[in-house]
Structures are given as structure tokens and as C-alpha cells.
Amino acid sequence: MCRMSRLIDADKLLNRIAELFRNDDLYLVGKFIGLIEQQPTAFDVDKVVSELEKSHFHTDATFDDDGYCNDDSEEVVNLDEAIEIIKAGGEDE
């Protein structure tokens, strides 16, 4: 898996390219825009949520703000596992 350096808003980039190169070679501008549109999504929110939902487990008890134990079950995800899921951005490894 390659590391992402940062996420960008591809739609804003495409709009900006269209504005800047409006009077240039439309063929080349179209090819450039097509290249951007073909790139895979770097962070798939739906896949990340799905992975988090798959990795959750139920606790037997919870604690209220005063530290008293409740018998309610809670759905939780291990923090280290959640961080790895988010870092992967929904990509299949």
C-alpha cells in the first residue's frame, strides 16, 4: 500500500483547471481532466465505516459521568485497530 501525503477535493481541482486553461488546447485539457477523474478514491468513507462496524465488539458494562457502573452494553472498537482502519482509508490490503 502506498502512503497518501494528503487528500484533495478533486472536483475543486477540476473546476480550477477548467478556469485556468479555458482558452488553451481543449484536447490536452480534456486528457488532463480525464486523468484526474480516473484516479481511485484515496479515502472511501463508506468502506472505513463498514470496516469499523465489522471490528466492533460489545462491552458488558459502561460507566456514567459519575463513575457508576451501568449494565448497558456498548459497541466499542479497539483504538489501535480503528487507527489502522482509518489510515488504510478503506483500501483493501
N, C-alpha and C. Protein backbone atom coordinates (compact mmCIF):
# COMPACT_ATOMS: atom_id res chain seq x y z
N MET A 1 0.85 -1.18 0.00
CA MET A 1 0.00 0.00 0.00
C MET A 1 0.89 1.24 0.00
N CYS A 2 0.62 2.17 -0.88
CA CYS A 2 1.38 3.40 -0.88
C CYS A 2 0.77 4.39 0.12
N ARG A 3 1.58 5.22 0.65
CA ARG A 3 1.11 6.19 1.64
C ARG A 3 0.57 7.44 0.93
N MET A 4 -0.51 7.98 1.48
CA MET A 4 -1.08 9.22 0.96
C MET A 4 -0.39 10.38 1.65
N SER A 5 -0.06 11.41 0.92
CA SER A 5 0.52 12.57 1.56
C SER A 5 -0.56 13.53 2.03
N ARG A 6 -1.63 13.66 1.26
CA ARG A 6 -2.77 14.49 1.66
C ARG A 6 -3.94 14.24 0.74
N LEU A 7 -5.10 14.57 1.21
CA LEU A 7 -6.31 14.43 0.40
C LEU A 7 -6.63 15.78 -0.22
N ILE A 8 -7.16 15.75 -1.42
CA ILE A 8 -7.59 16.99 -2.07
C ILE A 8 -9.03 16.84 -2.52
N ASP A 9 -9.66 17.95 -2.81
CA ASP A 9 -11.01 17.93 -3.37
C ASP A 9 -10.85 17.93 -4.89
N ALA A 10 -11.00 16.77 -5.50
CA ALA A 10 -10.78 16.63 -6.94
C ALA A 10 -11.74 17.50 -7.75
N ASP A 11 -12.97 17.66 -7.29
CA ASP A 11 -13.93 18.49 -8.03
C ASP A 11 -13.48 19.95 -8.08
N LYS A 12 -12.97 20.45 -6.96
CA LYS A 12 -12.47 21.83 -6.96
C LYS A 12 -11.25 21.97 -7.87
N LEU A 13 -10.38 20.96 -7.85
CA LEU A 13 -9.21 20.98 -8.74
C LEU A 13 -9.65 20.98 -10.20
N LEU A 14 -10.60 20.13 -10.54
CA LEU A 14 -11.07 20.07 -11.92
C LEU A 14 -11.70 21.39 -12.36
N ASN A 15 -12.47 22.01 -11.48
CA ASN A 15 -13.06 23.31 -11.81
C ASN A 15 -11.99 24.37 -12.01
N ARG A 16 -10.96 24.33 -11.17
CA ARG A 16 -9.88 25.32 -11.27
C ARG A 16 -9.10 25.12 -12.57
N ILE A 17 -8.84 23.89 -12.94
CA ILE A 17 -8.15 23.60 -14.20
C ILE A 17 -8.98 24.11 -15.37
N ALA A 18 -10.27 23.86 -15.33
CA ALA A 18 -11.15 24.32 -16.41
C ALA A 18 -11.12 25.85 -16.52
N GLU A 19 -11.06 26.54 -15.38
CA GLU A 19 -10.99 28.01 -15.40
C GLU A 19 -9.66 28.49 -15.96
N LEU A 20 -8.58 27.92 -15.47
CA LEU A 20 -7.24 28.40 -15.85
C LEU A 20 -6.90 28.13 -17.31
N PHE A 21 -7.35 27.00 -17.83
CA PHE A 21 -6.94 26.60 -19.17
C PHE A 21 -8.09 26.66 -20.17
N ARG A 22 -9.03 27.53 -19.91
CA ARG A 22 -10.22 27.66 -20.75
C ARG A 22 -9.87 27.96 -22.21
N ASN A 23 -8.86 28.77 -22.45
CA ASN A 23 -8.52 29.18 -23.81
C ASN A 23 -7.38 28.37 -24.42
N ASP A 24 -6.91 27.34 -23.72
CA ASP A 24 -5.80 26.53 -24.22
C ASP A 24 -6.32 25.35 -25.04
N ASP A 25 -5.44 24.49 -25.40
CA ASP A 25 -5.75 23.31 -26.20
C ASP A 25 -6.77 22.44 -25.46
N LEU A 26 -8.00 22.42 -25.95
CA LEU A 26 -9.07 21.70 -25.29
C LEU A 26 -8.81 20.20 -25.24
N TYR A 27 -8.11 19.67 -26.24
CA TYR A 27 -7.79 18.25 -26.25
C TYR A 27 -6.90 17.90 -25.06
N LEU A 28 -5.84 18.69 -24.88
CA LEU A 28 -4.92 18.43 -23.77
C LEU A 28 -5.58 18.65 -22.41
N VAL A 29 -6.39 19.69 -22.31
CA VAL A 29 -7.11 19.95 -21.06
C VAL A 29 -8.05 18.78 -20.77
N GLY A 30 -8.74 18.29 -21.78
CA GLY A 30 -9.64 17.16 -21.60
C GLY A 30 -8.90 15.90 -21.16
N LYS A 31 -7.72 15.66 -21.74
CA LYS A 31 -6.92 14.50 -21.35
C LYS A 31 -6.46 14.62 -19.88
N PHE A 32 -6.06 15.81 -19.50
CA PHE A 32 -5.60 16.06 -18.13
C PHE A 32 -6.74 15.84 -17.14
N ILE A 33 -7.90 16.38 -17.45
CA ILE A 33 -9.08 16.21 -16.59
C ILE A 33 -9.46 14.73 -16.52
N GLY A 34 -9.41 14.05 -17.65
CA GLY A 34 -9.73 12.62 -17.67
C GLY A 34 -8.78 11.82 -16.79
N LEU A 35 -7.51 12.18 -16.81
CA LEU A 35 -6.52 11.51 -15.98
C LEU A 35 -6.84 11.66 -14.50
N ILE A 36 -7.23 12.86 -14.11
CA ILE A 36 -7.59 13.10 -12.71
C ILE A 36 -8.84 12.31 -12.34
N GLU A 37 -9.83 12.30 -13.21
CA GLU A 37 -11.08 11.60 -12.92
C GLU A 37 -10.89 10.09 -12.82
N GLN A 38 -9.86 9.55 -13.45
CA GLN A 38 -9.62 8.11 -13.42
C GLN A 38 -8.92 7.64 -12.14
N GLN A 39 -8.43 8.58 -11.35
CA GLN A 39 -7.70 8.19 -10.15
C GLN A 39 -8.65 7.59 -9.11
N PRO A 40 -8.17 6.57 -8.40
CA PRO A 40 -9.01 5.94 -7.38
C PRO A 40 -9.23 6.88 -6.21
N THR A 41 -10.32 6.65 -5.51
CA THR A 41 -10.61 7.43 -4.32
C THR A 41 -9.58 7.08 -3.26
N ALA A 42 -8.95 8.08 -2.68
CA ALA A 42 -7.90 7.85 -1.69
C ALA A 42 -8.47 7.48 -0.33
N PHE A 43 -9.65 7.94 -0.03
CA PHE A 43 -10.26 7.67 1.27
C PHE A 43 -11.73 7.41 1.04
N ASP A 44 -12.14 6.18 1.23
CA ASP A 44 -13.52 5.79 1.00
C ASP A 44 -14.25 5.73 2.34
N VAL A 45 -15.02 6.76 2.64
CA VAL A 45 -15.70 6.87 3.93
C VAL A 45 -16.61 5.66 4.17
N ASP A 46 -17.35 5.24 3.16
CA ASP A 46 -18.26 4.10 3.32
C ASP A 46 -17.51 2.83 3.69
N LYS A 47 -16.36 2.60 3.06
CA LYS A 47 -15.58 1.41 3.37
C LYS A 47 -14.99 1.50 4.78
N VAL A 48 -14.54 2.68 5.18
CA VAL A 48 -13.99 2.85 6.52
C VAL A 48 -15.06 2.57 7.56
N VAL A 49 -16.24 3.12 7.37
CA VAL A 49 -17.35 2.88 8.30
C VAL A 49 -17.69 1.39 8.34
N SER A 50 -17.72 0.76 7.20
CA SER A 50 -18.01 -0.68 7.14
C SER A 50 -16.97 -1.49 7.92
N GLU A 51 -15.69 -1.16 7.75
CA GLU A 51 -14.63 -1.86 8.47
C GLU A 51 -14.74 -1.63 9.98
N LEU A 52 -15.07 -0.40 10.37
CA LEU A 52 -15.24 -0.11 11.80
C LEU A 52 -16.41 -0.89 12.37
N GLU A 53 -17.49 -0.98 11.60
CA GLU A 53 -18.66 -1.74 12.07
C GLU A 53 -18.33 -3.23 12.21
N LYS A 54 -17.50 -3.76 11.31
CA LYS A 54 -17.12 -5.17 11.38
C LYS A 54 -16.22 -5.46 12.58
N SER A 55 -15.43 -4.47 12.99
CA SER A 55 -14.44 -4.71 14.05
C SER A 55 -14.95 -4.37 15.45
N HIS A 56 -16.18 -3.94 15.57
CA HIS A 56 -16.67 -3.55 16.90
C HIS A 56 -17.00 -4.79 17.73
N PHE A 57 -17.03 -4.58 19.03
CA PHE A 57 -17.47 -5.63 19.93
C PHE A 57 -18.29 -4.98 21.04
N HIS A 58 -18.99 -5.77 21.79
CA HIS A 58 -19.85 -5.26 22.85
C HIS A 58 -19.17 -5.40 24.21
N THR A 59 -19.27 -4.35 25.00
CA THR A 59 -18.80 -4.43 26.38
C THR A 59 -19.95 -4.91 27.24
N ASP A 60 -19.62 -5.44 28.40
CA ASP A 60 -20.66 -5.92 29.31
C ASP A 60 -21.21 -4.81 30.18
N ALA A 61 -20.44 -3.76 30.36
CA ALA A 61 -20.88 -2.69 31.25
C ALA A 61 -20.30 -1.36 30.79
N THR A 62 -20.95 -0.29 31.18
CA THR A 62 -20.47 1.05 30.91
C THR A 62 -20.46 1.83 32.21
N PHE A 63 -19.83 2.98 32.16
CA PHE A 63 -19.76 3.83 33.34
C PHE A 63 -20.33 5.19 33.00
N ASP A 64 -21.12 5.74 33.90
CA ASP A 64 -21.68 7.06 33.65
C ASP A 64 -20.66 8.12 34.04
N ASP A 65 -21.04 9.40 33.91
CA ASP A 65 -20.12 10.50 34.17
C ASP A 65 -19.63 10.53 35.62
N ASP A 66 -20.40 9.96 36.53
CA ASP A 66 -20.00 9.94 37.94
C ASP A 66 -19.19 8.71 38.31
N GLY A 67 -18.92 7.85 37.33
CA GLY A 67 -18.13 6.66 37.59
C GLY A 67 -18.92 5.46 38.03
N TYR A 68 -20.25 5.57 38.02
CA TYR A 68 -21.08 4.44 38.41
C TYR A 68 -21.26 3.48 37.24
N CYS A 69 -21.24 2.20 37.53
CA CYS A 69 -21.36 1.18 36.51
C CYS A 69 -22.83 1.00 36.12
N ASN A 70 -23.06 0.98 34.82
CA ASN A 70 -24.38 0.67 34.28
C ASN A 70 -24.31 -0.74 33.69
N ASP A 71 -25.41 -1.38 33.58
CA ASP A 71 -25.43 -2.72 32.99
C ASP A 71 -25.66 -2.70 31.49
N ASP A 72 -25.70 -1.50 30.91
CA ASP A 72 -25.95 -1.39 29.47
C ASP A 72 -24.72 -1.85 28.69
N SER A 73 -24.97 -2.56 27.61
CA SER A 73 -23.90 -2.98 26.71
C SER A 73 -23.60 -1.84 25.74
N GLU A 74 -22.33 -1.69 25.40
CA GLU A 74 -21.91 -0.65 24.46
C GLU A 74 -21.14 -1.28 23.32
N GLU A 75 -21.25 -0.70 22.14
CA GLU A 75 -20.44 -1.13 21.00
C GLU A 75 -19.17 -0.30 21.01
N VAL A 76 -18.01 -0.96 20.99
CA VAL A 76 -16.73 -0.26 21.01
C VAL A 76 -15.79 -0.86 19.96
N VAL A 77 -14.78 -0.09 19.60
CA VAL A 77 -13.74 -0.53 18.69
C VAL A 77 -12.41 -0.26 19.37
N ASN A 78 -11.50 -1.21 19.28
CA ASN A 78 -10.16 -1.03 19.80
C ASN A 78 -9.51 0.17 19.11
N LEU A 79 -8.93 1.08 19.87
CA LEU A 79 -8.36 2.31 19.32
C LEU A 79 -7.28 2.02 18.28
N ASP A 80 -6.36 1.11 18.58
CA ASP A 80 -5.29 0.80 17.63
C ASP A 80 -5.84 0.25 16.32
N GLU A 81 -6.86 -0.60 16.43
CA GLU A 81 -7.48 -1.17 15.24
C GLU A 81 -8.21 -0.08 14.44
N ALA A 82 -8.89 0.82 15.14
CA ALA A 82 -9.60 1.91 14.47
C ALA A 82 -8.61 2.82 13.73
N ILE A 83 -7.48 3.09 14.35
CA ILE A 83 -6.47 3.95 13.72
C ILE A 83 -5.96 3.30 12.44
N GLU A 84 -5.69 1.99 12.48
CA GLU A 84 -5.22 1.29 11.29
C GLU A 84 -6.27 1.29 10.18
N ILE A 85 -7.52 1.11 10.54
CA ILE A 85 -8.61 1.13 9.55
C ILE A 85 -8.67 2.51 8.88
N ILE A 86 -8.59 3.55 9.68
CA ILE A 86 -8.67 4.91 9.14
C ILE A 86 -7.46 5.23 8.29
N LYS A 87 -6.28 4.83 8.74
CA LYS A 87 -5.06 5.06 7.94
C LYS A 87 -5.14 4.37 6.58
N ALA A 88 -5.77 3.19 6.56
CA ALA A 88 -5.90 2.47 5.28
C ALA A 88 -6.89 3.18 4.35
N GLY A 89 -7.74 4.02 4.90
CA GLY A 89 -8.65 4.82 4.08
C GLY A 89 -9.71 4.02 3.34
N GLY A 90 -9.95 2.80 3.78
CA GLY A 90 -10.94 1.97 3.11
C GLY A 90 -10.37 1.13 1.99
N GLU A 91 -9.06 1.25 1.77
CA GLU A 91 -8.43 0.45 0.71
C GLU A 91 -8.31 -0.99 1.15
N ASP A 92 -8.45 -1.91 0.21
CA ASP A 92 -8.24 -3.32 0.50
C ASP A 92 -6.74 -3.57 0.56
N GLU A 93 -6.32 -4.26 1.59
CA GLU A 93 -4.88 -4.53 1.71
C GLU A 93 -4.55 -5.91 1.20
